[in-house]
C-alpha cells in the first residue's frame, strides 16, 4: 500500500507521496491516480488531480530541504510548478514544524515561507529570451499573433504563452489554447495563460496547462507569468499584483528581479492505494471501492 496526502493551492490539486516509499512506476501511478473520471476521489465529488508530487525530505541543512518531482496526468514531468512547490513546503512544515523550507525543483532551489494563512515561495527571475523559454527562433516573442491570440512568451521555470483578452470568462480557452500550446515556435510546447484586467489593478487568469492538457483551477507559474508580462508591457507598474485564477487569489510581488508567489494551501485528506490488477483505495482509514486498472 502506498500512502499519500491530497493537497491543493487555490484549487490546483496534487497527490503527495513521500519519495521514501518504493514506487516502481511513477508515471503509471500518476496517470492512474490523476484521471478525473476514474482516478482516486474523496467520495464527495472530487476525483483525480493535476499531478503527483513525489517529495523527499533531506537532512543535514539549516532549514528543511525537500526535493520535488512533479509527474503530470499524462505521465510527463514538469521542471517547476508554483502551487505544487507551495504545497510541498506546506507538507514539509507539517513534518518538521519549521516555517522556512528550501524546495529543490528541476528549475532550481526555491525558498518558501509557511505561515498560518499562506505559503510564499521565491520563483526566480522571469525570462523572455528565446534561449530561456525556449523558442525556435532568435528573437523574443512579444505580442505576436499565434492562432487567435496575441501572445508573449516567458519562462517561469516552465514556458508560458500569455495573452491579454477583454474577458477571460467569455473566451473559449479549450478552443484557442491548443494551437498555441503546440505551435512550432515552442519546441517543447507551452502553457497557455489568458489574462484580463479585473478593474481593481489586478488580473483575472485562466491557464491551459501542458501535461494536464486542459484547464486547471489555478496555475502558480501562470500567475507569475501574467504579472511579469503585464509589467513588461506597461499594463502594471506596482511591485505587487493580485492575479485571480478560478480557484482563488494569488499575490505576485517583485523584489528586485525576484518574483515571489503567495497564496493559501490546504491539506484535503490522506489515504493509501494499492496498485496491481485492481486498485484498492483507503481514504482516511476507510476502504473505498476497488476499480479495475
Protein backbone atom coordinates (compact mmCIF):
# COMPACT_ATOMS: atom_id res chain seq x y z
CA UNK A 1 0.00 0.00 0.00
CA UNK A 2 1.26 3.45 -0.94
CA UNK A 3 0.35 6.28 1.42
CA UNK A 4 -0.50 9.71 0.06
CA UNK A 5 -1.81 13.10 1.10
CA UNK A 6 -4.02 15.28 -1.05
CA UNK A 7 -3.17 19.00 -1.11
CA UNK A 8 -4.32 21.93 -3.18
CA UNK A 9 -3.23 25.52 -3.68
CA UNK A 10 -6.17 27.69 -4.79
CA UNK A 11 -7.72 24.64 -6.42
CA UNK A 12 -4.56 23.37 -8.15
CA UNK A 13 -4.56 19.89 -6.59
CA UNK A 14 -1.92 17.22 -6.12
CA UNK A 15 -1.44 13.80 -4.62
CA UNK A 16 1.66 14.00 -2.43
CA UNK A 17 3.75 10.85 -1.95
CA UNK A 18 6.79 10.53 0.27
CA UNK A 19 9.57 9.52 -2.13
CA UNK A 20 10.96 7.14 0.50
CA UNK A 21 8.14 4.78 -0.45
CA UNK A 22 9.08 2.35 -3.25
CA UNK A 23 7.06 3.19 -6.35
CA UNK A 24 8.21 1.04 -9.25
CA UNK A 25 6.43 3.04 -11.96
CA UNK A 26 5.88 6.68 -11.03
CA UNK A 27 4.49 7.52 -14.45
CA UNK A 28 1.85 4.79 -14.37
CA UNK A 29 0.81 5.62 -10.83
CA UNK A 30 0.37 9.32 -11.68
CA UNK A 31 -1.74 8.52 -14.74
CA UNK A 32 -3.99 6.23 -12.68
CA UNK A 33 -4.36 8.49 -9.65
CA UNK A 34 -4.91 11.74 -11.55
CA UNK A 35 -7.59 10.67 -14.04
CA UNK A 36 -10.55 13.00 -13.49
CA UNK A 37 -13.08 10.27 -14.24
CA UNK A 38 -11.56 7.07 -12.85
CA UNK A 39 -8.80 8.28 -10.53
CA UNK A 40 -8.78 8.47 -6.75
CA UNK A 41 -11.52 10.61 -5.22
CA UNK A 42 -12.58 11.73 -1.78
CA UNK A 43 -16.09 10.35 -2.09
CA UNK A 44 -17.56 13.85 -2.25
CA UNK A 45 -17.30 14.51 -5.96
CA UNK A 46 -13.62 15.42 -6.26
CA UNK A 47 -11.78 12.89 -8.42
CA UNK A 48 -8.22 12.86 -9.77
CA UNK A 49 -5.70 15.68 -9.59
CA UNK A 50 -3.43 17.96 -11.59
CA UNK A 51 -0.37 15.86 -10.76
CA UNK A 52 1.54 13.76 -8.26
CA UNK A 53 4.30 15.33 -6.15
CA UNK A 54 6.99 12.86 -5.11
CA UNK A 55 8.75 14.55 -2.19
CA UNK A 56 11.97 13.63 -0.40
CA UNK A 57 12.99 15.36 2.83
CA UNK A 58 16.75 15.89 3.04
CA UNK A 59 18.50 16.07 6.42
CA UNK A 60 21.63 17.97 7.40
CA UNK A 61 20.65 21.51 6.39
CA UNK A 62 19.93 24.62 8.44
CA UNK A 63 16.39 24.69 7.02
CA UNK A 64 14.37 21.66 5.93
CA UNK A 65 15.04 20.78 2.31
CA UNK A 66 12.53 18.91 0.18
CA UNK A 67 13.30 17.53 -3.27
CA UNK A 68 10.23 17.81 -5.50
CA UNK A 69 9.43 15.79 -8.61
CA UNK A 70 6.11 16.53 -10.31
CA UNK A 71 4.62 13.86 -12.56
CA UNK A 72 1.67 15.15 -14.53
CA UNK A 73 -1.58 13.41 -15.52
CA UNK A 74 -0.15 12.46 -18.93
CA UNK A 75 2.90 10.84 -17.28
CA UNK A 76 5.33 13.62 -18.19
CA UNK A 77 7.40 15.54 -15.64
CA UNK A 78 7.42 19.30 -15.22
CA UNK A 79 10.56 21.09 -14.01
CA UNK A 80 8.62 23.66 -11.96
CA UNK A 81 5.15 24.22 -10.51
CA UNK A 82 4.47 27.23 -8.31
CA UNK A 83 1.42 25.90 -6.49
CA UNK A 84 2.99 22.44 -6.30
CA UNK A 85 6.10 23.89 -4.68
CA UNK A 86 3.95 25.78 -2.18
CA UNK A 87 2.13 22.52 -1.33
CA UNK A 88 5.49 20.77 -1.00
CA UNK A 89 6.59 23.41 1.51
CA UNK A 90 3.36 23.02 3.50
CA UNK A 91 3.85 19.24 3.54
CA UNK A 92 7.43 19.64 4.81
CA UNK A 93 6.32 22.07 7.52
CA UNK A 94 3.73 19.55 8.74
CA UNK A 95 6.53 17.03 9.22
CA UNK A 96 9.23 19.28 10.64
CA UNK A 97 7.45 22.17 12.32
CA UNK A 98 9.83 24.56 10.55
CA UNK A 99 8.38 27.57 8.75
CA UNK A 100 11.19 28.17 6.25
CA UNK A 101 11.66 25.38 3.72
CA UNK A 102 14.00 25.03 0.75
CA UNK A 103 12.28 23.34 -2.19
CA UNK A 104 14.59 21.72 -4.75
CA UNK A 105 13.00 21.64 -8.21
CA UNK A 106 14.41 20.79 -11.62
CA UNK A 107 14.44 24.55 -12.26
CA UNK A 108 16.48 25.33 -9.15
CA UNK A 109 16.12 25.68 -5.40
CA UNK A 110 13.30 27.91 -4.15
CA UNK A 111 12.94 29.34 -0.63
CA UNK A 112 9.44 29.06 0.83
CA UNK A 113 7.93 30.60 3.96
CA UNK A 114 4.89 28.97 5.56
CA UNK A 115 2.51 30.81 7.88
CA UNK A 116 -0.96 30.04 9.18
CA UNK A 117 -2.81 31.53 6.21
CA UNK A 118 -0.49 31.23 3.24
CA UNK A 119 2.71 29.92 1.71
CA UNK A 120 5.11 32.24 -0.12
CA UNK A 121 7.79 30.97 -2.47
CA UNK A 122 10.56 32.64 -4.41
CA UNK A 123 10.05 31.99 -8.12
CA UNK A 124 13.28 33.31 -9.56
CA UNK A 125 13.67 35.68 -12.49
CA UNK A 126 11.03 35.66 -15.26
CA UNK A 127 12.96 35.38 -18.51
CA UNK A 128 11.92 36.43 -22.00
CA UNK A 129 14.98 35.43 -24.02
CA UNK A 130 14.44 32.81 -26.75
CA UNK A 131 17.09 30.58 -25.16
CA UNK A 132 15.33 30.60 -21.79
CA UNK A 133 11.74 29.98 -22.87
CA UNK A 134 12.86 28.25 -25.20
CA UNK A 135 11.79 29.42 -28.65
CA UNK A 136 12.62 28.05 -32.07
CA UNK A 137 13.86 31.48 -33.17
CA UNK A 138 16.47 34.05 -32.26
CA UNK A 139 14.20 36.89 -31.09
CA UNK A 140 11.87 37.18 -28.10
CA UNK A 141 8.18 36.64 -28.75
CA UNK A 142 6.25 39.73 -27.63
CA UNK A 143 2.61 40.35 -28.52
CA UNK A 144 2.65 38.33 -31.72
CA UNK A 145 -0.29 36.52 -33.23
CA UNK A 146 -0.43 32.75 -32.91
CA UNK A 147 -3.79 31.38 -33.93
CA UNK A 148 -6.47 33.62 -32.42
CA UNK A 149 -4.27 35.08 -29.67
CA UNK A 150 -1.58 37.75 -29.42
CA UNK A 151 0.95 36.13 -27.12
CA UNK A 152 4.09 36.98 -25.21
CA UNK A 153 6.43 34.13 -24.26
CA UNK A 154 8.10 33.98 -20.84
CA UNK A 155 9.93 31.35 -18.81
CA UNK A 156 8.87 30.89 -15.17
CA UNK A 157 10.71 27.61 -14.78
CA UNK A 158 8.31 26.35 -17.45
CA UNK A 159 7.31 28.12 -20.68
CA UNK A 160 4.17 30.26 -20.76
CA UNK A 161 2.45 31.97 -23.66
CA UNK A 162 0.50 34.86 -22.13
CA UNK A 163 -2.32 36.65 -23.95
CA UNK A 164 -4.37 39.57 -22.66
CA UNK A 165 -8.04 39.38 -23.66
CA UNK A 166 -11.07 41.51 -22.94
CA UNK A 167 -12.66 38.98 -20.58
CA UNK A 168 -11.18 35.60 -19.69
CA UNK A 169 -14.60 34.30 -18.61
CA UNK A 170 -16.07 34.63 -22.10
CA UNK A 171 -13.07 33.28 -24.01
CA UNK A 172 -13.25 29.69 -25.25
CA UNK A 173 -9.96 28.56 -23.74
CA UNK A 174 -10.30 24.95 -24.86
CA UNK A 175 -10.54 26.19 -28.45
CA UNK A 176 -7.93 28.95 -28.61
CA UNK A 177 -5.24 27.35 -26.43
CA UNK A 178 -4.22 24.14 -28.29
CA UNK A 179 -2.90 25.90 -31.44
CA UNK A 180 -0.62 27.95 -29.19
CA UNK A 181 0.26 25.04 -26.91
CA UNK A 182 1.55 23.07 -29.94
CA UNK A 183 2.87 25.96 -32.06
CA UNK A 184 6.16 25.27 -33.84
CA UNK A 185 7.78 28.27 -32.17
CA UNK A 186 7.63 26.33 -28.86
CA UNK A 187 9.83 23.26 -29.41
CA UNK A 188 8.83 21.82 -26.01
CA UNK A 189 5.29 23.14 -26.05
CA UNK A 190 3.93 25.86 -23.78
CA UNK A 191 1.39 26.53 -21.11
CA UNK A 192 -1.21 28.97 -22.43
CA UNK A 193 -2.35 31.65 -19.98
CA UNK A 194 -5.07 34.22 -20.56
CA UNK A 195 -5.46 37.37 -18.51
CA UNK A 196 -7.88 40.28 -18.36
CA UNK A 197 -7.97 43.34 -16.08
CA UNK A 198 -10.17 42.87 -13.02
CA UNK A 199 -10.96 46.58 -12.68
CA UNK A 200 -9.03 46.91 -9.42
CA UNK A 201 -5.46 46.89 -10.67
CA UNK A 202 -5.12 43.12 -10.80
CA UNK A 203 -5.90 40.46 -13.37
CA UNK A 204 -8.22 37.52 -13.80
CA UNK A 205 -6.43 34.42 -15.10
CA UNK A 206 -7.16 31.15 -16.84
CA UNK A 207 -4.48 28.63 -17.83
CA UNK A 208 -4.42 25.66 -20.18
CA UNK A 209 -1.60 23.54 -18.76
CA UNK A 210 0.88 21.48 -20.72
CA UNK A 211 0.91 17.94 -19.29
CA UNK A 212 -2.61 18.30 -17.96
CA UNK A 213 -3.79 19.10 -21.50
CA UNK A 214 -6.66 21.14 -20.22
CA UNK A 215 -7.60 24.00 -17.93
CA UNK A 216 -6.71 23.91 -14.25
CA UNK A 217 -8.43 25.83 -11.46
CA UNK A 218 -5.18 27.62 -10.73
CA UNK A 219 -1.62 27.84 -12.03
CA UNK A 220 1.08 29.46 -9.91
CA UNK A 221 3.67 29.83 -12.65
CA UNK A 222 0.87 31.20 -14.82
CA UNK A 223 0.06 33.87 -12.23
CA UNK A 224 3.71 34.93 -12.14
CA UNK A 225 3.77 34.92 -15.94
CA UNK A 226 0.74 37.24 -16.05
CA UNK A 227 2.32 39.69 -13.61
CA UNK A 228 5.71 39.60 -15.36
CA UNK A 229 4.25 40.15 -18.82
CA UNK A 230 1.90 42.87 -17.54
CA UNK A 231 4.88 44.76 -16.14
CA UNK A 232 6.87 44.27 -19.33
CA UNK A 233 4.02 45.63 -21.48
CA UNK A 234 3.23 48.54 -19.15
CA UNK A 235 -0.10 47.09 -18.02
CA UNK A 236 1.02 47.02 -14.37
CA UNK A 237 3.50 49.17 -12.52
CA UNK A 238 3.13 48.19 -8.86
CA UNK A 239 5.59 45.84 -7.19
CA UNK A 240 2.67 43.66 -6.05
CA UNK A 241 -0.03 42.34 -8.36
CA UNK A 242 -3.13 40.30 -7.49
CA UNK A 243 -3.81 37.56 -10.04
CA UNK A 244 -7.07 35.63 -9.74
CA UNK A 245 -7.45 32.21 -11.36
CA UNK A 246 -10.82 30.47 -10.85
CA UNK A 247 -9.60 28.75 -7.66
CA UNK A 248 -8.75 31.90 -5.68
CA UNK A 249 -6.47 34.90 -5.42
CA UNK A 250 -2.68 34.73 -5.69
CA UNK A 251 -0.30 37.57 -4.90
CA UNK A 252 2.75 38.10 -7.08
CA UNK A 253 5.34 40.56 -5.82
CA UNK A 254 8.71 41.62 -7.15
CA UNK A 255 11.81 42.29 -5.08
CA UNK A 256 14.48 43.46 -7.46
CA UNK A 257 14.35 40.86 -10.21
CA UNK A 258 12.95 38.12 -7.94
CA UNK A 259 9.28 37.18 -8.25
CA UNK A 260 7.52 35.88 -5.15
CA UNK A 261 4.27 33.90 -5.27
CA UNK A 262 1.96 33.91 -2.25
CA UNK A 263 -1.35 32.17 -1.61
CA UNK A 264 -3.18 29.66 0.58
CA UNK A 265 -2.73 25.89 0.58
CA UNK A 266 -4.93 23.20 2.09
CA UNK A 267 -4.44 19.56 3.01
CA UNK A 268 -7.68 17.89 1.89
CA UNK A 269 -7.34 14.28 3.03
CA UNK A 270 -4.98 11.31 3.31
CA UNK A 271 -5.23 7.78 2.05
CA UNK A 272 -3.49 4.67 0.81
CA UNK A 273 -3.64 2.97 -2.56
CA UNK A 274 -2.53 -0.44 -3.77
CA UNK A 275 -1.74 -0.91 -7.45
CA UNK A 276 -1.95 -4.15 -9.35
CA UNK A 277 -4.59 -5.98 -11.32
CA UNK A 278 -7.09 -3.95 -9.34
CA UNK A 279 -6.85 -0.79 -7.30
CA UNK A 280 -7.96 -0.65 -3.68
CA UNK A 281 -8.16 2.76 -2.05
CA UNK A 282 -8.43 3.77 1.58
CA UNK A 283 -9.39 7.38 2.34
CA UNK A 284 -8.63 8.42 5.91
CA UNK A 285 -8.79 4.81 7.02
CA UNK A 286 -11.99 3.84 5.21
CA UNK A 287 -11.72 1.34 2.35
CA UNK A 288 -13.28 2.51 -0.88
CA UNK A 289 -14.44 0.63 -3.93
CA UNK A 290 -11.99 -1.42 -5.94
CA UNK A 291 -11.57 -0.40 -9.58
CA UNK A 292 -10.02 -2.32 -12.43
CA UNK A 293 -6.87 -0.76 -13.90
